[in-house]
Amino acid sequence: MAKSRCGTMLHRKSAPNCAKWANTMESTLLPCVFVIVSNLFGYAKSRFFHLEFFRLKTAKPSLGNAGDILGLEVNMRPAGGYTVDMLNYAGGLDLYQIWADMVAFGAAHHPLARYHRYCCCAGRHDELRYRMPHEELLKKYRSCLNAAPRLPEVLAREMGDQLYIASFEDEAAMQAFRRDALARPRE
């Protein structure tokens, strides 16, 4: 299994000082993931699929205790948004080429992971002010930025008008980027 960590951060207008952060792989999820994958394998053998989980913040009767991780859904398609791009950036991969190899030849003919980096994205809303201006953020992290697209209006409401996708050698550097990208001015 690759050591890469990939996650998404959404900066929401409703909670401007909070960022939602989720690692896609966590050791407590692995036993559950292996059971689901083994049961899906016949159907998902040559298809993209992804699994979604959430962690309960508080105990919920009939669901579980605070901290429990629950399966939300299984999707028989690639993960949405920029997730596949982020996985590619985190591991030096070309997941669509690997998938094409699996369908065409029954095996991957491209490297499964050339390196292991931490990748995240941060979204900013145009109507909010941030401590570090856009140009300064681009300059400071130019060697780590993989992409900085403007999002279409239909996606901007939830993800931000300006997205930054960056990858790093270590988690501490990624967290520093996250803080710089999303920090609001002190008032």
C-alpha atoms as a PDB file:
ATOM      1  CA  MET A   1       0.000   0.000   0.000  1.00  0.00           C
ATOM      2  CA  ALA A   2       1.279   3.459  -0.860  1.00  0.00           C
ATOM      3  CA  LYS A   3       2.320   5.751   1.973  1.00  0.00           C
ATOM      4  CA  SER A   4       0.826   8.751   0.184  1.00  0.00           C
ATOM      5  CA  ARG A   5      -1.786  10.807   1.948  1.00  0.00           C
ATOM      6  CA  CYS A   6      -4.378  12.621  -0.050  1.00  0.00           C
ATOM      7  CA  GLY A   7      -7.173  14.741   1.257  1.00  0.00           C
ATOM      8  CA  THR A   8      -9.493  17.558   0.467  1.00  0.00           C
ATOM      9  CA  MET A   9     -10.130  20.713   2.382  1.00  0.00           C
ATOM     10  CA  LEU A  10     -13.198  22.837   1.889  1.00  0.00           C
ATOM     11  CA  HIS A  11     -13.345  26.364   3.200  1.00  0.00           C
ATOM     12  CA  ARG A  12     -17.036  26.968   3.723  1.00  0.00           C
ATOM     13  CA  LYS A  13     -18.705  30.359   3.873  1.00  0.00           C
ATOM     14  CA  SER A  14     -20.893  29.178   6.735  1.00  0.00           C
ATOM     15  CA  ALA A  15     -17.851  28.441   8.898  1.00  0.00           C
ATOM     16  CA  PRO A  16     -15.156  30.779   7.571  1.00  0.00           C
ATOM     17  CA  ASN A  17     -12.612  30.004  10.296  1.00  0.00           C
ATOM     18  CA  CYS A  18     -12.854  26.237   9.928  1.00  0.00           C
ATOM     19  CA  ALA A  19     -11.436  23.871   7.330  1.00  0.00           C
ATOM     20  CA  LYS A  20     -12.727  20.377   6.826  1.00  0.00           C
ATOM     21  CA  TRP A  21      -9.865  17.923   6.455  1.00  0.00           C
ATOM     22  CA  ALA A  22     -10.109  14.180   5.803  1.00  0.00           C
ATOM     23  CA  ASN A  23      -7.394  11.642   5.038  1.00  0.00           C
ATOM     24  CA  THR A  24      -8.535   9.124   2.457  1.00  0.00           C
ATOM     25  CA  MET A  25      -6.688   6.291   4.178  1.00  0.00           C
ATOM     26  CA  GLU A  26      -6.626   5.669   7.891  1.00  0.00           C
ATOM     27  CA  SER A  27      -5.493   2.505   9.660  1.00  0.00           C
ATOM     28  CA  THR A  28      -8.809   2.101  11.480  1.00  0.00           C
ATOM     29  CA  LEU A  29     -10.612   1.906   8.133  1.00  0.00           C
ATOM     30  CA  LEU A  30      -8.463  -0.762   6.536  1.00  0.00           C
ATOM     31  CA  PRO A  31     -10.198  -3.897   7.918  1.00  0.00           C
ATOM     32  CA  CYS A  32     -13.578  -2.563   6.742  1.00  0.00           C
ATOM     33  CA  VAL A  33     -12.174  -1.551   3.348  1.00  0.00           C
ATOM     34  CA  PHE A  34     -10.657  -4.997   2.766  1.00  0.00           C
ATOM     35  CA  VAL A  35     -13.979  -6.749   3.513  1.00  0.00           C
ATOM     36  CA  ILE A  36     -15.895  -4.443   1.170  1.00  0.00           C
ATOM     37  CA  VAL A  37     -13.300  -4.723  -1.594  1.00  0.00           C
ATOM     38  CA  SER A  38     -13.136  -8.511  -1.339  1.00  0.00           C
ATOM     39  CA  ASN A  39     -16.934  -8.693  -1.682  1.00  0.00           C
ATOM     40  CA  LEU A  40     -16.912  -6.274  -4.632  1.00  0.00           C
ATOM     41  CA  PHE A  41     -13.914  -7.714  -6.417  1.00  0.00           C
ATOM     42  CA  GLY A  42     -15.847  -9.814  -8.930  1.00  0.00           C
ATOM     43  CA  TYR A  43     -17.922  -6.824 -10.009  1.00  0.00           C
ATOM     44  CA  ALA A  44     -15.245  -4.170  -9.596  1.00  0.00           C
ATOM     45  CA  LYS A  45     -12.414  -6.181 -11.118  1.00  0.00           C
ATOM     46  CA  SER A  46     -11.793  -3.843 -14.047  1.00  0.00           C
ATOM     47  CA  ARG A  47     -13.658  -0.756 -12.903  1.00  0.00           C
ATOM     48  CA  PHE A  48     -12.917   2.329 -10.910  1.00  0.00           C
ATOM     49  CA  PHE A  49     -14.712   2.446  -7.597  1.00  0.00           C
ATOM     50  CA  HIS A  50     -14.401   4.398  -4.398  1.00  0.00           C
ATOM     51  CA  LEU A  51     -15.749   4.107  -0.890  1.00  0.00           C
ATOM     52  CA  GLU A  52     -16.927   6.933   1.339  1.00  0.00           C
ATOM     53  CA  PHE A  53     -16.870   6.947   5.144  1.00  0.00           C
ATOM     54  CA  PHE A  54     -17.612   9.395   7.908  1.00  0.00           C
ATOM     55  CA  ARG A  55     -16.710   9.614  11.589  1.00  0.00           C
ATOM     56  CA  LEU A  56     -19.436  10.245  14.151  1.00  0.00           C
ATOM     57  CA  LYS A  57     -18.726  13.384  16.187  1.00  0.00           C
ATOM     58  CA  THR A  58     -21.276  12.380  18.818  1.00  0.00           C
ATOM     59  CA  ALA A  59     -22.948   9.103  19.745  1.00  0.00           C
ATOM     60  CA  LYS A  60     -26.047   8.308  17.676  1.00  0.00           C
ATOM     61  CA  PRO A  61     -28.500   5.636  18.796  1.00  0.00           C
ATOM     62  CA  SER A  62     -28.575   2.667  16.397  1.00  0.00           C
ATOM     63  CA  LEU A  63     -25.531   4.031  14.516  1.00  0.00           C
ATOM     64  CA  GLY A  64     -22.585   4.079  16.893  1.00  0.00           C
ATOM     65  CA  ASN A  65     -20.462   5.897  19.424  1.00  0.00           C
ATOM     66  CA  ALA A  66     -18.546   9.152  19.034  1.00  0.00           C
ATOM     67  CA  GLY A  67     -15.416   8.449  16.998  1.00  0.00           C
ATOM     68  CA  ASP A  68     -16.857   5.408  15.195  1.00  0.00           C
ATOM     69  CA  ILE A  69     -16.253   5.289  11.456  1.00  0.00           C
ATOM     70  CA  LEU A  70     -19.268   4.354   9.339  1.00  0.00           C
ATOM     71  CA  GLY A  71     -19.530   3.466   5.673  1.00  0.00           C
ATOM     72  CA  LEU A  72     -21.580   5.958   3.711  1.00  0.00           C
ATOM     73  CA  GLU A  73     -21.595   4.588   0.177  1.00  0.00           C
ATOM     74  CA  VAL A  74     -19.819   2.579  -2.491  1.00  0.00           C
ATOM     75  CA  ASN A  75     -19.531   4.280  -5.880  1.00  0.00           C
ATOM     76  CA  MET A  76     -18.705   2.365  -9.037  1.00  0.00           C
ATOM     77  CA  ARG A  77     -16.874   5.294 -10.627  1.00  0.00           C
ATOM     78  CA  PRO A  78     -13.728   7.326  -9.961  1.00  0.00           C
ATOM     79  CA  ALA A  79     -13.899   9.649  -6.974  1.00  0.00           C
ATOM     80  CA  GLY A  80     -15.203  13.093  -7.864  1.00  0.00           C
ATOM     81  CA  GLY A  81     -13.681  16.520  -8.139  1.00  0.00           C
ATOM     82  CA  TYR A  82      -9.905  16.631  -8.256  1.00  0.00           C
ATOM     83  CA  THR A  83      -9.416  13.435  -6.224  1.00  0.00           C
ATOM     84  CA  VAL A  84      -7.897  11.386  -9.058  1.00  0.00           C
ATOM     85  CA  ASP A  85      -5.562  14.274  -9.929  1.00  0.00           C
ATOM     86  CA  MET A  86      -4.516  14.528  -6.283  1.00  0.00           C
ATOM     87  CA  LEU A  87      -3.773  10.800  -6.107  1.00  0.00           C
ATOM     88  CA  ASN A  88      -1.697  11.166  -9.277  1.00  0.00           C
ATOM     89  CA  TYR A  89       0.233  14.101  -7.763  1.00  0.00           C
ATOM     90  CA  ALA A  90       0.747  12.245  -4.458  1.00  0.00           C
ATOM     91  CA  GLY A  91       2.209   9.142  -6.075  1.00  0.00           C
ATOM     92  CA  GLY A  92       3.567  10.177  -9.464  1.00  0.00           C
ATOM     93  CA  LEU A  93       0.806   8.107 -11.034  1.00  0.00           C
ATOM     94  CA  ASP A  94      -1.403   8.122 -14.083  1.00  0.00           C
ATOM     95  CA  LEU A  95      -4.449   6.317 -12.704  1.00  0.00           C
ATOM     96  CA  TYR A  96      -6.419   6.486 -15.943  1.00  0.00           C
ATOM     97  CA  GLN A  97      -3.512   4.879 -17.829  1.00  0.00           C
ATOM     98  CA  ILE A  98      -3.208   2.184 -15.157  1.00  0.00           C
ATOM     99  CA  TRP A  99      -6.953   1.532 -15.456  1.00  0.00           C
ATOM    100  CA  ALA A 100      -6.721   1.375 -19.256  1.00  0.00           C
ATOM    101  CA  ASP A 101      -3.859  -1.147 -18.936  1.00  0.00           C
ATOM    102  CA  MET A 102      -5.950  -3.269 -16.575  1.00  0.00           C
ATOM    103  CA  VAL A 103      -8.902  -3.292 -18.975  1.00  0.00           C
ATOM    104  CA  ALA A 104      -6.831  -3.849 -22.119  1.00  0.00           C
ATOM    105  CA  PHE A 105      -4.105  -6.175 -20.837  1.00  0.00           C
ATOM    106  CA  GLY A 106      -5.326  -7.521 -17.472  1.00  0.00           C
ATOM    107  CA  ALA A 107      -2.341  -5.970 -15.676  1.00  0.00           C
ATOM    108  CA  ALA A 108      -0.807  -2.562 -15.021  1.00  0.00           C
ATOM    109  CA  HIS A 109       2.121  -1.769 -17.306  1.00  0.00           C
ATOM    110  CA  HIS A 110       2.915   1.554 -15.652  1.00  0.00           C
ATOM    111  CA  PRO A 111       4.486   2.108 -12.224  1.00  0.00           C
ATOM    112  CA  LEU A 112       1.958   1.953  -9.400  1.00  0.00           C
ATOM    113  CA  ALA A 113       3.782   4.574  -7.307  1.00  0.00           C
ATOM    114  CA  ARG A 114       6.973   6.396  -8.196  1.00  0.00           C
ATOM    115  CA  TYR A 115       7.114   8.499  -5.053  1.00  0.00           C
ATOM    116  CA  HIS A 116       5.063   9.228  -1.951  1.00  0.00           C
ATOM    117  CA  ARG A 117       3.986  12.786  -1.217  1.00  0.00           C
ATOM    118  CA  TYR A 118       1.265  14.496   0.790  1.00  0.00           C
ATOM    119  CA  CYS A 119      -1.292  16.252  -1.388  1.00  0.00           C
ATOM    120  CA  CYS A 120      -4.120  18.585  -0.440  1.00  0.00           C
ATOM    121  CA  CYS A 121      -6.339  21.202  -1.937  1.00  0.00           C
ATOM    122  CA  ALA A 122      -7.611  24.417  -0.435  1.00  0.00           C
ATOM    123  CA  GLY A 123     -10.453  26.520  -1.763  1.00  0.00           C
ATOM    124  CA  ARG A 124     -10.951  30.246  -1.287  1.00  0.00           C
ATOM    125  CA  HIS A 125     -14.090  32.298  -1.819  1.00  0.00           C
ATOM    126  CA  ASP A 126     -13.690  35.616  -3.637  1.00  0.00           C
ATOM    127  CA  GLU A 127     -15.888  37.538  -1.179  1.00  0.00           C
ATOM    128  CA  LEU A 128     -13.731  36.567   1.818  1.00  0.00           C
ATOM    129  CA  ARG A 129     -10.403  38.134   2.781  1.00  0.00           C
ATOM    130  CA  TYR A 130      -7.366  35.977   3.555  1.00  0.00           C
ATOM    131  CA  ARG A 131      -4.235  36.857   5.479  1.00  0.00           C
ATOM    132  CA  MET A 132      -1.936  35.825   2.588  1.00  0.00           C
ATOM    133  CA  PRO A 133      -2.912  37.350  -0.771  1.00  0.00           C
ATOM    134  CA  HIS A 134      -3.290  35.118  -3.832  1.00  0.00           C
ATOM    135  CA  GLU A 135      -0.078  36.281  -5.547  1.00  0.00           C
ATOM    136  CA  GLU A 136       1.972  35.877  -2.360  1.00  0.00           C
ATOM    137  CA  LEU A 137       0.630  32.329  -1.862  1.00  0.00           C
ATOM    138  CA  LEU A 138       1.491  31.446  -5.478  1.00  0.00           C
ATOM    139  CA  LYS A 139       5.011  32.839  -5.054  1.00  0.00           C
ATOM    140  CA  LYS A 140       5.695  31.162  -1.704  1.00  0.00           C
ATOM    141  CA  TYR A 141       4.466  27.716  -2.829  1.00  0.00           C
ATOM    142  CA  ARG A 142       5.306  27.809  -6.555  1.00  0.00           C
ATOM    143  CA  SER A 143       7.545  24.720  -6.297  1.00  0.00           C
ATOM    144  CA  CYS A 144       4.776  22.719  -4.573  1.00  0.00           C
ATOM    145  CA  LEU A 145       1.673  23.855  -6.471  1.00  0.00           C
ATOM    146  CA  ASN A 146       0.365  21.298  -8.931  1.00  0.00           C
ATOM    147  CA  ALA A 147      -2.595  23.389 -10.073  1.00  0.00           C
ATOM    148  CA  ALA A 148      -4.468  26.556  -9.142  1.00  0.00           C
ATOM    149  CA  PRO A 149      -7.680  26.541 -11.185  1.00  0.00           C
ATOM    150  CA  ARG A 150     -10.554  28.992 -11.006  1.00  0.00           C
ATOM    151  CA  LEU A 151     -13.702  26.972 -10.451  1.00  0.00           C
ATOM    152  CA  PRO A 152     -16.935  27.413 -12.368  1.00  0.00           C
ATOM    153  CA  GLU A 153     -19.781  29.062 -10.500  1.00  0.00           C
ATOM    154  CA  VAL A 154     -21.652  25.777 -10.038  1.00  0.00           C
ATOM    155  CA  LEU A 155     -18.754  24.361  -7.963  1.00  0.00           C
ATOM    156  CA  ALA A 156     -17.529  27.605  -6.375  1.00  0.00           C
ATOM    157  CA  ARG A 157     -20.325  27.871  -3.812  1.00  0.00           C
ATOM    158  CA  GLU A 158     -19.111  24.760  -1.961  1.00  0.00           C
ATOM    159  CA  MET A 159     -15.454  24.486  -2.967  1.00  0.00           C
ATOM    160  CA  GLY A 160     -14.398  28.101  -3.399  1.00  0.00           C
ATOM    161  CA  ASP A 161     -13.816  30.285  -6.429  1.00  0.00           C
ATOM    162  CA  GLN A 162     -10.050  29.735  -6.390  1.00  0.00           C
ATOM    163  CA  LEU A 163      -8.640  26.266  -5.749  1.00  0.00           C
ATOM    164  CA  TYR A 164      -5.037  25.415  -4.924  1.00  0.00           C
ATOM    165  CA  ILE A 165      -3.732  21.852  -5.249  1.00  0.00           C
ATOM    166  CA  ALA A 166      -0.275  21.265  -3.821  1.00  0.00           C
ATOM    167  CA  SER A 167       1.903  18.287  -2.873  1.00  0.00           C
ATOM    168  CA  PHE A 168       4.673  18.057  -0.288  1.00  0.00           C
ATOM    169  CA  GLU A 169       7.423  15.749   0.946  1.00  0.00           C
ATOM    170  CA  ASP A 170       6.105  15.788   4.513  1.00  0.00           C
ATOM    171  CA  GLU A 171       2.853  16.332   6.342  1.00  0.00           C
ATOM    172  CA  ALA A 172       4.114  19.321   8.347  1.00  0.00           C
ATOM    173  CA  ALA A 173       4.819  21.265   5.132  1.00  0.00           C
ATOM    174  CA  MET A 174       1.355  20.387   3.837  1.00  0.00           C
ATOM    175  CA  GLN A 175      -0.260  21.628   7.060  1.00  0.00           C
ATOM    176  CA  ALA A 176       1.736  24.880   6.854  1.00  0.00           C
ATOM    177  CA  PHE A 177       0.393  25.392   3.316  1.00  0.00           C
ATOM    178  CA  ARG A 178      -3.131  24.696   4.540  1.00  0.00           C
ATOM    179  CA  ARG A 179      -2.767  27.299   7.292  1.00  0.00           C
ATOM    180  CA  ASP A 180      -1.312  29.891   4.899  1.00  0.00           C
ATOM    181  CA  ALA A 181      -3.961  29.258   2.260  1.00  0.00           C
ATOM    182  CA  LEU A 182      -6.956  29.462   4.584  1.00  0.00           C
ATOM    183  CA  ALA A 183      -5.900  31.874   7.358  1.00  0.00           C
ATOM    184  CA  ARG A 184      -8.214  34.834   7.708  1.00  0.00           C
ATOM    185  CA  PRO A 185      -7.061  38.294   8.852  1.00  0.00           C
ATOM    186  CA  ARG A 186      -7.056  38.903  12.583  1.00  0.00           C
ATOM    187  CA  GLU A 187      -9.633  41.486  13.546  1.00  0.00           C
END
